[in-house]
N, C-alpha and C. Protein backbone atom coordinates (compact mmCIF):
# COMPACT_ATOMS: atom_id res chain seq x y z
N MET A 1 72.54 136.80 1.13
CA MET A 1 71.59 137.76 1.94
C MET A 1 70.72 138.43 0.63
N THR A 2 69.51 138.96 0.88
CA THR A 2 69.13 139.49 -0.31
C THR A 2 69.71 140.98 -0.80
N ASP A 3 70.01 141.28 -1.93
CA ASP A 3 70.19 142.68 -2.50
C ASP A 3 69.24 143.20 -2.90
N HIS A 4 68.75 144.48 -2.53
CA HIS A 4 67.86 145.39 -2.56
C HIS A 4 67.85 146.51 -3.69
N THR A 5 69.19 146.20 -4.77
CA THR A 5 69.39 147.40 -5.40
C THR A 5 68.72 147.70 -6.50
N ALA A 6 67.89 146.33 -6.85
CA ALA A 6 67.32 146.77 -8.17
C ALA A 6 65.83 145.93 -7.64
N SER A 7 64.68 146.13 -6.90
CA SER A 7 63.93 145.85 -6.37
C SER A 7 62.37 146.71 -7.24
N ASN A 8 61.81 145.64 -6.99
CA ASN A 8 60.34 146.07 -7.84
C ASN A 8 59.36 146.00 -6.89
N GLY A 9 58.14 146.55 -6.75
CA GLY A 9 57.27 146.37 -5.77
C GLY A 9 57.59 146.48 -4.29
N PRO A 10 56.56 146.35 -3.64
CA PRO A 10 56.91 146.87 -1.82
C PRO A 10 58.10 145.46 -1.43
N THR A 11 58.41 145.95 -0.65
CA THR A 11 59.88 144.78 -0.01
C THR A 11 59.51 144.52 1.49
N LEU A 12 60.34 143.60 1.99
CA LEU A 12 59.91 143.50 3.51
C LEU A 12 60.89 144.27 3.70
N PRO A 13 60.79 144.65 5.53
CA PRO A 13 61.80 145.47 6.23
C PRO A 13 63.13 145.12 6.36
N TYR A 14 64.22 145.90 6.33
CA TYR A 14 65.04 145.00 6.43
C TYR A 14 66.48 145.96 7.34
N VAL A 15 67.24 145.02 7.99
CA VAL A 15 68.38 145.08 8.91
C VAL A 15 69.73 145.20 8.31
N LEU A 16 70.02 146.51 8.12
CA LEU A 16 71.68 146.97 7.50
C LEU A 16 72.41 146.13 8.38
N VAL A 17 73.25 145.60 7.75
CA VAL A 17 74.36 145.09 7.95
C VAL A 17 75.52 145.79 7.63
N LEU A 18 76.10 146.68 8.08
CA LEU A 18 76.89 147.86 7.66
C LEU A 18 78.91 147.26 8.19
N TYR A 19 79.59 146.86 7.43
CA TYR A 19 81.08 146.25 7.83
C TYR A 19 82.00 147.15 7.66
N TYR A 20 83.05 146.99 8.14
CA TYR A 20 84.81 147.38 7.36
C TYR A 20 85.28 146.13 7.90
N SER A 21 86.00 145.66 6.95
CA SER A 21 87.14 144.20 6.96
C SER A 21 88.22 144.61 6.04
N ARG A 22 89.15 143.96 6.72
CA ARG A 22 90.58 144.14 6.16
C ARG A 22 90.89 142.39 5.90
N GLN A 23 90.60 141.82 6.90
CA GLN A 23 91.42 140.23 6.63
C GLN A 23 90.37 139.31 6.42
N GLY A 24 89.15 139.76 6.45
CA GLY A 24 87.92 138.79 6.23
C GLY A 24 87.62 138.42 7.46
N ALA A 25 87.81 138.35 8.42
CA ALA A 25 87.45 137.81 9.52
C ALA A 25 85.40 138.90 10.12
N THR A 26 85.99 140.09 10.08
CA THR A 26 84.78 141.25 10.15
C THR A 26 83.72 140.81 8.75
N ARG A 27 84.13 140.49 7.88
CA ARG A 27 83.09 140.20 6.96
C ARG A 27 82.46 138.89 7.37
N THR A 28 82.95 137.76 7.77
CA THR A 28 82.52 136.54 8.08
C THR A 28 81.33 136.84 9.39
N LEU A 29 81.83 137.50 10.52
CA LEU A 29 80.51 137.77 11.33
C LEU A 29 79.49 138.54 10.59
N ALA A 30 79.90 139.20 9.87
CA ALA A 30 78.54 140.32 9.22
C ALA A 30 77.79 139.24 8.68
N GLU A 31 78.27 138.22 7.99
CA GLU A 31 77.78 137.26 7.11
C GLU A 31 76.78 136.52 8.15
N GLN A 32 77.43 136.15 9.04
CA GLN A 32 76.78 135.35 10.01
C GLN A 32 75.53 136.22 11.10
N VAL A 33 75.63 137.37 11.01
CA VAL A 33 74.55 138.29 11.86
C VAL A 33 73.73 138.27 10.56
N ALA A 34 73.75 138.50 9.36
CA ALA A 34 72.76 138.31 8.39
C ALA A 34 72.04 137.40 8.61
N SER A 35 72.40 135.94 8.57
CA SER A 35 72.02 134.46 8.41
C SER A 35 71.34 134.87 9.78
N GLY A 36 71.50 135.67 10.78
CA GLY A 36 70.21 135.20 12.05
C GLY A 36 69.40 136.30 11.98
N VAL A 37 69.63 137.50 11.14
CA VAL A 37 68.39 138.18 10.83
C VAL A 37 67.37 137.60 9.83
N GLU A 38 68.12 136.46 8.57
CA GLU A 38 67.03 136.39 7.81
C GLU A 38 66.58 134.90 8.20
N SER A 39 66.90 134.19 9.41
CA SER A 39 65.86 133.17 9.99
C SER A 39 64.56 133.78 10.49
N VAL A 40 64.61 134.78 10.78
CA VAL A 40 63.32 135.52 11.10
C VAL A 40 62.39 135.67 9.95
N SER A 41 61.08 135.39 10.39
CA SER A 41 60.19 135.66 9.11
C SER A 41 59.76 136.98 8.71
N GLY A 42 59.67 137.96 7.86
CA GLY A 42 59.41 138.81 7.72
C GLY A 42 59.97 140.01 7.75
N ILE A 43 61.61 139.99 7.92
CA ILE A 43 62.54 140.72 7.50
C ILE A 43 63.29 140.27 6.81
N GLU A 44 64.67 141.30 6.46
CA GLU A 44 65.33 140.43 5.51
C GLU A 44 66.82 141.46 6.08
N ALA A 45 68.12 141.13 5.59
CA ALA A 45 69.11 141.61 5.85
C ALA A 45 69.88 142.21 4.60
N ARG A 46 70.05 143.13 4.62
CA ARG A 46 71.13 144.06 3.84
C ARG A 46 72.54 144.25 3.77
N LEU A 47 73.50 143.53 3.36
CA LEU A 47 74.70 143.80 3.75
C LEU A 47 75.23 144.94 2.96
N ARG A 48 76.14 145.86 3.60
CA ARG A 48 77.20 146.91 3.26
C ARG A 48 78.46 146.84 3.28
N THR A 49 79.03 147.64 2.86
CA THR A 49 80.60 147.81 3.50
C THR A 49 80.92 149.42 3.00
N VAL A 50 81.78 149.62 3.55
CA VAL A 50 82.41 150.89 3.19
C VAL A 50 83.82 151.25 2.57
N PRO A 51 83.96 152.03 1.88
CA PRO A 51 85.43 152.22 1.11
C PRO A 51 86.48 152.49 2.05
N ALA A 52 87.37 152.07 2.06
CA ALA A 52 88.90 152.59 2.58
C ALA A 52 89.43 154.00 2.41
N VAL A 53 89.82 154.40 3.56
CA VAL A 53 90.09 155.85 3.69
C VAL A 53 91.97 155.75 3.51
N SER A 54 91.85 157.05 3.01
CA SER A 54 93.80 156.51 3.05
C SER A 54 94.30 158.12 3.32
N PRO A 55 95.37 158.41 3.97
CA PRO A 55 96.26 159.95 3.79
C PRO A 55 96.50 160.26 2.59
N VAL A 56 96.62 159.41 1.89
CA VAL A 56 97.31 159.82 0.48
C VAL A 56 95.99 160.65 -0.46
N CYS A 57 96.32 161.83 -0.87
CA CYS A 57 94.82 162.59 -1.51
C CYS A 57 94.53 162.20 -2.74
N GLU A 58 95.75 161.21 -3.43
CA GLU A 58 95.09 160.77 -4.72
C GLU A 58 94.97 159.21 -4.79
N ALA A 59 94.66 158.40 -3.60
CA ALA A 59 94.19 157.30 -3.50
C ALA A 59 93.03 157.28 -3.74
N THR A 60 92.31 156.43 -4.58
CA THR A 60 90.85 156.02 -4.66
C THR A 60 90.54 154.43 -4.65
N ALA A 61 89.07 154.36 -4.88
CA ALA A 61 88.74 153.28 -4.44
C ALA A 61 87.68 152.87 -5.71
N PRO A 62 87.80 152.03 -6.00
CA PRO A 62 86.59 151.73 -7.49
C PRO A 62 85.42 151.53 -6.74
N GLU A 63 84.55 151.82 -7.77
CA GLU A 63 83.05 152.66 -7.45
C GLU A 63 82.10 150.93 -6.85
N ILE A 64 82.75 149.80 -7.20
CA ILE A 64 82.09 148.51 -6.71
C ILE A 64 83.52 147.66 -6.32
N PRO A 65 83.41 147.29 -4.86
CA PRO A 65 84.55 146.44 -4.63
C PRO A 65 84.20 145.36 -5.22
N ASP A 66 85.87 144.86 -5.16
CA ASP A 66 86.56 143.85 -6.01
C ASP A 66 85.74 142.70 -5.52
N GLU A 67 85.38 142.33 -3.96
CA GLU A 67 84.63 141.17 -3.47
C GLU A 67 83.67 141.74 -2.47
N GLY A 68 82.94 141.25 -1.81
CA GLY A 68 82.04 140.99 -0.73
C GLY A 68 80.75 141.98 -1.23
N ALA A 69 80.48 142.62 -0.16
CA ALA A 69 79.17 143.62 -0.33
C ALA A 69 79.64 144.97 -1.33
N ILE A 70 78.59 145.22 -1.63
CA ILE A 70 79.02 146.64 -2.00
C ILE A 70 78.70 148.02 -0.91
N TYR A 71 79.26 149.01 -1.80
CA TYR A 71 79.43 150.32 -0.55
C TYR A 71 78.07 151.13 -0.18
N VAL A 72 77.89 151.15 0.46
CA VAL A 72 76.80 151.68 1.83
C VAL A 72 76.41 152.89 0.85
N GLU A 73 75.04 152.93 1.10
CA GLU A 73 74.59 154.87 0.70
C GLU A 73 73.93 155.25 2.12
N GLU A 74 73.66 156.63 2.11
CA GLU A 74 73.20 157.12 3.08
C GLU A 74 71.18 156.24 3.09
N ALA A 75 70.91 156.13 1.75
CA ALA A 75 69.48 155.79 1.84
C ALA A 75 69.20 154.31 2.57
N ASP A 76 70.42 153.56 2.56
CA ASP A 76 70.37 152.27 3.11
C ASP A 76 70.27 152.34 4.84
N LEU A 77 70.73 153.38 5.13
CA LEU A 77 70.63 153.37 6.68
C LEU A 77 69.57 154.28 7.00
N ARG A 78 69.19 155.29 6.18
CA ARG A 78 67.96 156.00 6.26
C ARG A 78 66.59 154.77 6.48
N GLN A 79 66.34 154.34 5.58
CA GLN A 79 65.46 153.58 5.04
C GLN A 79 65.53 152.10 6.36
N CYS A 80 66.54 151.76 7.39
CA CYS A 80 66.60 150.05 7.46
C CYS A 80 65.60 150.30 9.00
N SER A 81 65.34 149.37 9.47
CA SER A 81 64.49 149.01 10.35
C SER A 81 65.59 148.82 11.48
N GLY A 82 66.77 148.34 11.41
CA GLY A 82 67.50 148.41 12.04
C GLY A 82 69.20 148.30 11.57
N LEU A 83 70.24 148.01 12.74
CA LEU A 83 71.10 148.26 12.15
C LEU A 83 72.69 147.82 13.07
N ALA A 84 73.44 146.85 12.23
CA ALA A 84 74.85 146.03 12.70
C ALA A 84 75.61 146.41 12.25
N LEU A 85 76.72 147.28 13.11
CA LEU A 85 77.72 147.40 13.00
C LEU A 85 78.80 146.90 13.23
N GLY A 86 79.81 146.64 12.25
CA GLY A 86 80.97 145.75 12.15
C GLY A 86 82.17 146.14 11.93
N SER A 87 83.15 146.29 13.17
CA SER A 87 84.65 146.77 12.60
C SER A 87 85.48 146.06 13.23
N PRO A 88 87.08 145.96 12.36
CA PRO A 88 88.18 145.52 13.54
C PRO A 88 88.23 146.39 14.36
N THR A 89 89.11 146.27 15.21
CA THR A 89 89.56 147.13 16.47
C THR A 89 90.66 148.30 16.04
N ARG A 90 90.72 149.50 15.73
CA ARG A 90 91.78 150.00 15.67
C ARG A 90 92.16 150.92 16.81
N PHE A 91 93.11 150.12 17.60
CA PHE A 91 93.86 150.81 18.90
C PHE A 91 92.29 151.05 20.07
N GLY A 92 91.87 150.37 19.93
CA GLY A 92 90.88 150.56 20.83
C GLY A 92 89.08 150.61 20.32
N ASN A 93 89.26 151.45 19.39
CA ASN A 93 88.38 152.09 18.59
C ASN A 93 87.86 151.42 17.39
N MET A 94 86.84 151.91 16.66
CA MET A 94 86.69 151.65 15.50
C MET A 94 87.46 151.98 14.33
N ALA A 95 87.25 151.22 13.16
CA ALA A 95 88.48 151.50 11.99
C ALA A 95 87.90 152.87 11.48
N ALA A 96 88.82 153.40 10.84
CA ALA A 96 88.29 154.93 10.37
C ALA A 96 87.48 155.11 9.24
N PRO A 97 87.22 154.02 8.34
CA PRO A 97 86.57 153.80 7.23
C PRO A 97 85.22 153.95 7.76
N LEU A 98 84.71 153.23 8.68
CA LEU A 98 83.41 153.00 9.21
C LEU A 98 83.22 154.45 9.98
N LYS A 99 83.89 155.01 10.80
CA LYS A 99 83.60 156.28 11.64
C LYS A 99 83.59 157.33 10.67
N TYR A 100 84.32 157.63 9.64
CA TYR A 100 84.18 158.30 8.29
C TYR A 100 82.90 158.26 7.97
N PHE A 101 82.11 157.06 7.67
CA PHE A 101 80.88 157.28 7.10
C PHE A 101 79.88 157.38 8.23
N LEU A 102 80.02 157.51 9.13
CA LEU A 102 79.02 157.68 10.22
C LEU A 102 79.17 158.92 10.63
N ASP A 103 80.31 159.83 10.36
CA ASP A 103 80.52 161.25 10.24
C ASP A 103 80.08 162.12 9.24
N THR A 104 79.21 161.45 8.21
CA THR A 104 78.75 162.17 7.42
C THR A 104 77.08 161.85 7.48
N THR A 105 76.61 161.59 8.49
CA THR A 105 74.98 161.19 8.81
C THR A 105 74.58 162.38 9.77
N SER A 106 75.07 163.47 9.90
CA SER A 106 74.79 164.46 10.51
C SER A 106 73.26 164.93 10.55
N GLY A 107 72.77 164.61 9.03
CA GLY A 107 71.82 165.09 8.22
C GLY A 107 70.36 164.10 8.81
N LEU A 108 70.95 162.56 8.98
CA LEU A 108 70.04 161.85 9.71
C LEU A 108 69.49 161.89 11.15
N TRP A 109 70.69 162.89 11.90
CA TRP A 109 70.33 163.03 13.28
C TRP A 109 69.82 164.03 13.34
N MET A 110 70.22 165.28 12.31
CA MET A 110 69.09 166.54 12.67
C MET A 110 67.55 166.19 12.69
N ASN A 111 67.27 165.09 11.57
CA ASN A 111 65.96 164.94 11.19
C ASN A 111 65.35 163.62 12.50
N GLY A 112 65.61 162.93 12.85
CA GLY A 112 65.81 162.14 14.05
C GLY A 112 65.09 160.93 13.40
N ALA A 113 65.99 160.77 12.11
CA ALA A 113 66.00 159.75 11.35
C ALA A 113 65.65 158.04 11.77
N LEU A 114 66.66 157.99 12.96
CA LEU A 114 67.11 156.59 13.39
C LEU A 114 66.58 156.57 14.78
N VAL A 115 65.74 157.36 15.15
CA VAL A 115 65.37 157.28 16.44
C VAL A 115 64.40 156.10 16.54
N ASP A 116 64.35 155.50 17.91
CA ASP A 116 63.73 154.02 18.29
C ASP A 116 64.10 152.91 17.07
N ARG A 117 65.06 153.36 16.38
CA ARG A 117 65.65 151.76 15.69
C ARG A 117 66.62 151.03 16.38
N PRO A 118 66.63 149.60 16.31
CA PRO A 118 67.32 148.75 17.52
C PRO A 118 68.64 148.77 16.54
N ALA A 119 69.59 148.66 17.07
CA ALA A 119 71.19 148.62 16.57
C ALA A 119 72.03 147.71 17.49
N THR A 120 73.21 147.21 16.84
CA THR A 120 74.16 146.36 17.81
C THR A 120 75.42 146.63 16.85
N ALA A 121 76.55 145.98 17.59
CA ALA A 121 77.65 146.02 16.64
C ALA A 121 78.11 144.83 17.06
N PHE A 122 79.56 144.62 16.01
CA PHE A 122 80.44 143.45 16.31
C PHE A 122 81.77 143.65 16.00
N THR A 123 82.76 142.91 16.44
CA THR A 123 84.25 143.33 16.14
C THR A 123 85.14 142.21 16.23
N SER A 124 86.68 142.58 15.75
CA SER A 124 87.31 141.34 15.81
C SER A 124 88.73 141.85 16.01
N THR A 125 89.40 141.28 16.75
CA THR A 125 90.71 142.02 17.57
C THR A 125 92.23 140.62 17.10
N ALA A 126 93.72 141.09 16.81
CA ALA A 126 94.24 140.56 16.63
C ALA A 126 94.54 139.44 18.16
N SER A 127 94.46 140.04 19.33
CA SER A 127 94.47 139.81 20.56
C SER A 127 93.07 139.33 21.47
N LEU A 128 92.98 138.86 22.22
CA LEU A 128 92.11 138.41 23.29
C LEU A 128 91.72 139.60 23.90
N HIS A 129 92.46 140.18 24.52
CA HIS A 129 92.74 141.51 24.61
C HIS A 129 93.26 142.76 24.03
N GLY A 130 93.10 143.06 22.99
CA GLY A 130 93.12 143.70 22.18
C GLY A 130 92.25 144.90 21.96
N GLY A 131 91.20 145.27 22.77
CA GLY A 131 90.18 146.10 22.52
C GLY A 131 88.98 145.93 21.69
N GLN A 132 88.72 144.61 22.32
CA GLN A 132 87.30 144.11 22.09
C GLN A 132 86.00 145.00 22.27
N GLU A 133 85.84 144.97 23.69
CA GLU A 133 84.97 145.43 24.44
C GLU A 133 85.13 147.21 24.20
N SER A 134 85.92 147.49 24.25
CA SER A 134 86.77 149.01 23.95
C SER A 134 85.71 149.57 22.78
N THR A 135 86.33 148.47 22.01
CA THR A 135 85.51 148.89 20.30
C THR A 135 84.34 149.23 20.14
N LEU A 136 83.28 147.90 20.84
CA LEU A 136 82.45 147.91 20.82
C LEU A 136 81.64 148.84 21.64
N LEU A 137 82.11 149.61 22.59
CA LEU A 137 81.57 150.42 23.13
C LEU A 137 81.72 151.83 22.54
N THR A 138 82.36 151.95 21.75
CA THR A 138 82.99 153.42 20.91
C THR A 138 82.15 153.25 19.74
N MET A 139 81.25 152.19 19.40
CA MET A 139 80.84 151.92 18.12
C MET A 139 79.26 152.23 18.73
N LEU A 140 79.16 152.03 19.93
CA LEU A 140 77.92 152.44 20.46
C LEU A 140 77.57 153.59 20.63
N ILE A 141 78.63 154.70 20.62
CA ILE A 141 78.44 156.20 21.12
C ILE A 141 77.36 157.11 20.08
N PRO A 142 77.93 156.83 18.93
CA PRO A 142 76.93 157.52 17.64
C PRO A 142 75.84 156.92 17.41
N LEU A 143 75.29 155.61 17.55
CA LEU A 143 74.08 154.92 17.91
C LEU A 143 73.02 155.81 18.80
N LEU A 144 73.64 155.87 19.90
CA LEU A 144 73.05 156.72 20.73
C LEU A 144 72.64 158.11 20.65
N HIS A 145 73.63 158.79 20.25
CA HIS A 145 73.82 160.10 19.53
C HIS A 145 72.16 160.33 18.61
N HIS A 146 72.08 159.14 17.55
CA HIS A 146 71.36 159.12 16.85
C HIS A 146 69.85 158.83 17.52
N GLY A 147 69.66 158.22 19.06
CA GLY A 147 68.21 158.11 19.33
C GLY A 147 68.02 156.21 18.72
N MET A 148 68.97 155.78 18.70
CA MET A 148 68.71 154.25 18.19
C MET A 148 68.78 153.28 19.90
N VAL A 149 68.15 152.33 19.72
CA VAL A 149 67.82 151.51 21.07
C VAL A 149 68.71 150.09 20.60
N TYR A 150 70.07 150.59 21.77
CA TYR A 150 70.92 149.40 21.40
C TYR A 150 70.87 147.91 22.24
N ALA A 151 71.24 146.80 21.19
CA ALA A 151 70.90 145.64 21.81
C ALA A 151 72.32 144.93 21.71
N GLY A 152 72.88 144.44 22.81
CA GLY A 152 73.91 143.51 22.90
C GLY A 152 73.37 141.41 22.92
N VAL A 153 74.21 141.17 23.38
CA VAL A 153 73.95 139.89 23.07
C VAL A 153 74.05 139.57 24.89
N PRO A 154 72.60 138.71 24.96
CA PRO A 154 72.53 138.88 26.93
C PRO A 154 73.06 137.09 27.22
N TYR A 155 73.29 137.15 28.38
CA TYR A 155 73.77 135.83 29.13
C TYR A 155 72.65 134.68 28.71
N SER A 156 71.53 134.77 28.02
CA SER A 156 70.60 133.66 28.08
C SER A 156 71.08 133.16 26.95
N GLU A 157 72.02 133.61 26.25
CA GLU A 157 72.74 132.80 24.85
C GLU A 157 73.66 132.00 25.58
N THR A 158 73.47 130.84 26.06
CA THR A 158 74.76 129.90 27.15
C THR A 158 75.93 129.91 26.71
N THR A 159 76.03 130.30 24.95
CA THR A 159 77.47 130.16 24.83
C THR A 159 78.17 131.27 24.69
N LEU A 160 77.98 132.35 25.25
CA LEU A 160 78.66 133.17 26.28
C LEU A 160 79.54 133.06 27.31
N LEU A 161 78.63 132.02 28.02
CA LEU A 161 79.10 131.58 29.54
C LEU A 161 80.13 130.39 29.00
N SER A 162 80.47 129.97 27.95
CA SER A 162 81.24 128.86 27.71
C SER A 162 82.52 129.26 26.59
N THR A 163 81.83 130.29 25.73
CA THR A 163 83.47 130.50 24.53
C THR A 163 84.75 130.79 25.07
N GLN A 164 85.45 130.06 24.34
CA GLN A 164 86.99 130.50 25.04
C GLN A 164 88.21 131.61 24.35
N SER A 165 87.37 132.31 23.24
CA SER A 165 87.67 132.79 22.20
C SER A 165 87.04 134.26 22.08
N GLY A 166 86.24 134.50 21.41
CA GLY A 166 85.43 135.75 21.09
C GLY A 166 83.92 135.89 22.16
N GLY A 167 83.51 136.74 22.20
CA GLY A 167 82.19 136.92 22.85
C GLY A 167 82.11 137.57 23.70
N THR A 168 81.22 138.93 23.93
CA THR A 168 80.81 139.74 25.31
C THR A 168 79.66 140.18 24.98
N PRO A 169 79.20 140.55 25.94
CA PRO A 169 77.36 141.30 26.24
C PRO A 169 77.49 141.89 25.68
N TYR A 170 78.58 143.12 25.01
CA TYR A 170 78.08 144.17 24.34
C TYR A 170 77.78 143.86 22.77
N GLY A 171 78.19 142.95 22.51
CA GLY A 171 78.12 142.41 21.11
C GLY A 171 79.26 141.32 20.86
N THR A 172 78.75 140.46 19.58
CA THR A 172 79.89 139.39 19.18
C THR A 172 81.47 139.90 18.73
N SER A 173 82.39 139.10 19.45
CA SER A 173 83.53 139.25 19.08
C SER A 173 84.52 138.28 18.51
N HIS A 174 85.55 138.58 17.52
CA HIS A 174 86.36 137.45 17.41
C HIS A 174 87.94 137.41 17.65
N LEU A 175 88.10 136.27 17.82
CA LEU A 175 89.74 136.69 18.35
C LEU A 175 90.47 135.95 16.92
N ALA A 176 91.32 136.85 16.15
CA ALA A 176 91.90 136.24 14.62
C ALA A 176 93.37 136.10 14.95
N GLY A 177 93.98 136.31 15.89
CA GLY A 177 95.53 136.08 16.14
C GLY A 177 96.52 136.94 15.63
N SER A 178 97.45 136.70 15.99
CA SER A 178 98.26 137.95 15.73
C SER A 178 98.53 137.62 13.80
N ASN A 179 98.43 137.00 13.59
CA ASN A 179 98.82 136.57 12.08
C ASN A 179 97.35 136.69 11.17
N ALA A 180 96.71 137.15 11.76
CA ALA A 180 94.97 137.25 11.58
C ALA A 180 94.41 135.96 10.52
N ASP A 181 95.24 134.43 11.15
CA ASP A 181 94.78 133.74 10.35
C ASP A 181 94.02 132.63 10.90
N ARG A 182 93.26 132.97 12.22
CA ARG A 182 92.58 132.35 12.95
C ARG A 182 91.19 132.29 12.76
N GLU A 183 90.52 131.39 11.84
CA GLU A 183 89.48 131.21 11.60
C GLU A 183 87.90 131.32 13.00
N VAL A 184 87.06 132.07 11.90
CA VAL A 184 86.06 132.64 13.09
C VAL A 184 85.46 131.53 13.46
N ASP A 185 85.29 130.59 15.29
CA ASP A 185 84.86 129.40 15.43
C ASP A 185 83.64 129.53 15.60
N ALA A 186 82.94 127.74 16.09
CA ALA A 186 81.79 127.70 16.26
C ALA A 186 81.02 128.40 17.20
N ASP A 187 81.49 128.92 18.16
CA ASP A 187 81.29 129.76 19.46
C ASP A 187 80.77 130.75 18.79
N GLU A 188 81.70 131.91 18.42
CA GLU A 188 81.86 132.85 17.69
C GLU A 188 80.50 133.07 16.59
N ARG A 189 80.75 132.41 15.84
CA ARG A 189 79.84 132.05 14.76
C ARG A 189 77.94 131.90 15.21
N SER A 190 77.84 131.33 15.90
CA SER A 190 76.76 130.58 17.07
C SER A 190 76.15 132.58 17.69
N LEU A 191 77.42 132.70 18.45
CA LEU A 191 76.54 133.96 19.04
C LEU A 191 76.13 135.42 17.84
N ALA A 192 77.52 135.37 16.80
CA ALA A 192 76.64 136.21 15.68
C ALA A 192 75.44 136.14 15.28
N VAL A 193 74.87 134.84 15.17
CA VAL A 193 73.77 134.08 14.32
C VAL A 193 72.80 134.99 15.32
N ALA A 194 72.85 134.82 16.86
CA ALA A 194 72.20 135.05 17.86
C ALA A 194 71.91 136.19 17.69
N GLN A 195 72.80 137.24 17.82
CA GLN A 195 72.75 138.46 17.70
C GLN A 195 71.74 139.23 16.35
N GLY A 196 72.31 138.23 15.94
CA GLY A 196 71.30 138.72 14.31
C GLY A 196 69.61 138.63 14.57
N ARG A 197 69.34 137.34 14.87
CA ARG A 197 68.16 136.56 15.12
C ARG A 197 67.64 137.80 16.29
N ARG A 198 68.25 137.94 17.35
CA ARG A 198 67.59 139.14 18.59
C ARG A 198 67.45 140.51 17.55
N LEU A 199 68.56 141.20 16.94
CA LEU A 199 68.23 142.10 16.34
C LEU A 199 67.07 142.37 15.45
N ALA A 200 66.70 141.29 14.80
CA ALA A 200 65.49 141.27 13.80
C ALA A 200 63.53 141.42 14.06
N LYS A 201 64.29 140.71 15.52
CA LYS A 201 63.12 140.29 16.28
C LYS A 201 62.55 141.88 16.63
N LEU A 202 63.90 142.59 17.58
CA LEU A 202 63.75 143.95 17.68
C LEU A 202 63.21 144.84 16.90
N ALA A 203 63.58 144.80 15.73
CA ALA A 203 63.61 145.60 14.68
C ALA A 203 62.01 145.74 14.12
N LEU A 204 61.40 144.45 14.28
CA LEU A 204 59.74 144.11 13.76
C LEU A 204 58.95 144.70 15.20
N ALA A 205 59.57 144.47 16.15
CA ALA A 205 58.65 144.83 17.31
C ALA A 205 58.64 146.43 17.32
N LEU A 206 59.88 147.04 17.13
CA LEU A 206 60.04 148.36 17.31
C LEU A 206 59.27 149.22 16.33
N THR A 207 59.06 148.35 14.99
CA THR A 207 58.83 148.87 13.55
C THR A 207 57.45 149.27 14.18
N SER A 208 56.40 148.32 14.79
CA SER A 208 55.00 148.11 14.85
C SER A 208 54.84 149.36 16.07
N MET A 209 55.95 149.51 16.80
CA MET A 209 55.65 150.29 17.71
C MET A 209 55.61 151.80 17.30
N ARG A 210 56.48 152.23 16.31
CA ARG A 210 56.48 153.29 15.68
C ARG A 210 55.39 153.29 14.69
N ASN A 211 54.94 152.34 14.06
CA ASN A 211 53.63 153.05 13.12
C ASN A 211 52.28 152.77 14.05
N ALA A 212 52.49 152.50 15.13
CA ALA A 212 51.06 152.30 16.20
C ALA A 212 51.06 153.83 17.13
N ARG A 213 52.24 154.86 16.45
CA ARG A 213 52.33 155.93 17.11
C ARG A 213 51.02 156.95 16.60
N PRO A 214 50.20 157.95 17.35
CA PRO A 214 49.49 158.79 16.54
C PRO A 214 49.83 159.69 15.83
């Protein structure tokens, strides 16, 4: 995926694929969503993550993660044409590190910076009924407060009707297993790619709409 940290000259619009991952499954989904975004001409994907949070005051994170995407900055979100949020479930909710970042974006909310930009979400859980849909719905709430346009996975993606593991109309999901050792399967990957592709097309269309306003 394209890294825009040292870009020169004009760049393509991009979808921010922002995720938190502990065991790697959510990161894999993020990479598949980004792949779907970049299958669409005229737009790019920007992969970013968030640092862990800790109840221990002395705990610190390195400025650059040991692996995976670099940490997100507010400018990544402010300038994006679309947003895909990914998180494992924590008691039917998004993980604290991702919510912590979203809680710092009130300045963007006050300025309406994200109004009419498309957004979507994806998740991973240890069990099939471990809170996939509720986690996706909780991730939707702050996006609606920002005035974003939420886009899930429509049933025209026929894999949604045949998957035996993850997959919901609210967003792609993954069944990781109780030991977090189940790989993201072909159906889950297919849905994540389709989700990214749909988001990219909407991002381009809504950007044109915003630019056409008087």
